[in-house]
Amino acid sequence: MTLIQLAVPDRLRGRVMGIWMIAYSGSVPLGALWTGRVAQSWGVAFVMGLSAVLCVAVALVVWASGALAPLRPAPTPPEGEPDSSSQPHASDVMGRRLEAVEQPPR
């Protein structure tokens, strides 16, 4: 979660964390509700198997769509030209934050 927050621009951080919370915290109660209701009628073993099949199917669709493929890195500028990227890399930001913590104020 820390790496995600550091990699996302400040103006989008709240939106990205909102989507994170919906995906990882908001979907759990809905899945539990569905699983419990259907398990009463059809049995726990069947519902757990069906849930596993659905998870694998969704994973295959996401994989086939290329949604999780790594992004191509930005082209590097020719030597002598300054880098035009406006956002620092997450490791640079973290390094600066650590330096600020380690050095006492003057």
Protein backbone atom coordinates (compact mmCIF):
# COMPACT_ATOMS: atom_id res chain seq x y z
CA MET A 1 0.00 0.00 0.00
CA THR A 2 2.91 2.34 0.74
CA LEU A 3 4.43 1.79 -2.70
CA ILE A 4 1.07 2.49 -4.35
CA GLN A 5 0.66 5.73 -2.41
CA LEU A 6 4.19 6.85 -3.29
CA ALA A 7 3.83 5.98 -6.97
CA VAL A 8 0.49 7.77 -7.48
CA PRO A 9 0.44 11.55 -8.10
CA ASP A 10 -0.85 13.59 -5.15
CA ARG A 11 -3.94 14.71 -7.05
CA LEU A 12 -5.05 11.08 -7.60
CA ARG A 13 -4.03 9.51 -4.29
CA GLY A 14 -7.47 9.76 -2.66
CA ARG A 15 -9.19 8.23 -5.67
CA VAL A 16 -6.74 5.35 -5.92
CA MET A 17 -7.03 4.57 -2.21
CA GLY A 18 -10.84 4.73 -2.48
CA ILE A 19 -10.79 2.13 -5.25
CA TRP A 20 -8.37 0.04 -3.18
CA MET A 21 -10.76 0.07 -0.20
CA ILE A 22 -13.78 -0.80 -2.35
CA ALA A 23 -11.94 -3.68 -4.02
CA TYR A 24 -10.40 -5.18 -0.90
CA SER A 25 -12.79 -4.24 1.91
CA GLY A 26 -16.10 -3.52 0.23
CA SER A 27 -16.35 -6.70 -1.80
CA VAL A 28 -15.77 -9.09 1.12
CA PRO A 29 -19.19 -8.61 2.79
CA LEU A 30 -20.96 -9.00 -0.56
CA GLY A 31 -19.12 -12.22 -1.30
CA ALA A 32 -19.84 -13.56 2.19
CA LEU A 33 -23.51 -12.71 1.84
CA TRP A 34 -23.76 -14.48 -1.53
CA THR A 35 -21.76 -17.49 -0.33
CA GLY A 36 -23.82 -17.94 2.83
CA ARG A 37 -27.17 -17.65 1.08
CA VAL A 38 -26.33 -20.07 -1.73
CA ALA A 39 -24.56 -22.51 0.65
CA GLN A 40 -27.80 -22.89 2.61
CA SER A 41 -29.52 -24.25 -0.48
CA TRP A 42 -26.80 -26.05 -2.42
CA GLY A 43 -24.18 -26.96 0.19
CA VAL A 44 -20.86 -25.50 1.22
CA ALA A 45 -18.63 -27.73 -0.92
CA PHE A 46 -20.50 -26.83 -4.11
CA VAL A 47 -20.43 -23.10 -3.38
CA MET A 48 -16.72 -23.08 -2.53
CA GLY A 49 -15.97 -24.95 -5.76
CA LEU A 50 -18.13 -22.54 -7.75
CA SER A 51 -16.42 -19.57 -6.11
CA ALA A 52 -13.01 -20.99 -7.03
CA VAL A 53 -14.09 -21.53 -10.64
CA LEU A 54 -15.41 -17.95 -10.82
CA CYS A 55 -12.15 -16.57 -9.40
CA VAL A 56 -10.08 -18.50 -11.94
CA ALA A 57 -12.39 -17.38 -14.78
CA VAL A 58 -12.09 -13.71 -13.78
CA ALA A 59 -8.31 -14.06 -13.43
CA LEU A 60 -8.06 -15.55 -16.93
CA VAL A 61 -10.20 -12.77 -18.42
CA VAL A 62 -8.06 -10.09 -16.75
CA TRP A 63 -4.86 -11.83 -17.84
CA ALA A 64 -6.10 -12.25 -21.43
CA SER A 65 -7.14 -8.59 -21.62
CA GLY A 66 -3.61 -7.44 -20.80
CA ALA A 67 -4.86 -5.15 -18.03
CA LEU A 68 -2.01 -6.21 -15.74
CA ALA A 69 0.77 -5.99 -18.32
CA PRO A 70 3.63 -3.76 -17.22
CA LEU A 71 3.61 -0.30 -18.70
CA ARG A 72 6.34 0.60 -21.12
CA PRO A 73 8.92 2.84 -19.50
CA ALA A 74 9.06 6.43 -20.70
CA PRO A 75 11.73 7.02 -23.31
CA THR A 76 14.91 8.43 -21.87
CA PRO A 77 15.89 11.87 -23.11
CA PRO A 78 19.04 12.18 -25.22
CA GLU A 79 22.21 13.04 -23.34
CA GLY A 80 22.54 16.70 -22.54
CA GLU A 81 18.80 17.33 -22.33
CA PRO A 82 17.16 17.55 -18.91
CA ASP A 83 14.59 14.95 -17.92
CA SER A 84 11.11 16.36 -18.52
CA SER A 85 9.20 14.06 -16.14
CA SER A 86 7.27 16.07 -13.58
CA GLN A 87 6.81 13.27 -11.03
CA PRO A 88 9.77 11.86 -9.10
CA HIS A 89 10.22 8.12 -8.93
CA ALA A 90 8.86 6.48 -5.76
CA SER A 91 12.32 5.40 -4.61
CA ASP A 92 13.60 8.99 -4.98
CA VAL A 93 10.73 10.33 -2.89
CA MET A 94 11.25 7.70 -0.21
CA GLY A 95 14.99 8.37 -0.16
CA ARG A 96 14.42 12.10 0.33
CA ARG A 97 11.91 11.45 3.09
CA LEU A 98 14.38 9.19 4.89
CA GLU A 99 17.12 11.81 4.59
CA ALA A 100 14.79 14.42 6.04
CA VAL A 101 14.03 12.18 9.01
CA GLU A 102 17.65 11.28 9.69
CA GLN A 103 18.98 14.84 9.65
CA PRO A 104 18.06 17.05 12.61
CA PRO A 105 16.69 20.50 11.78
CA ARG A 106 19.24 23.31 11.62
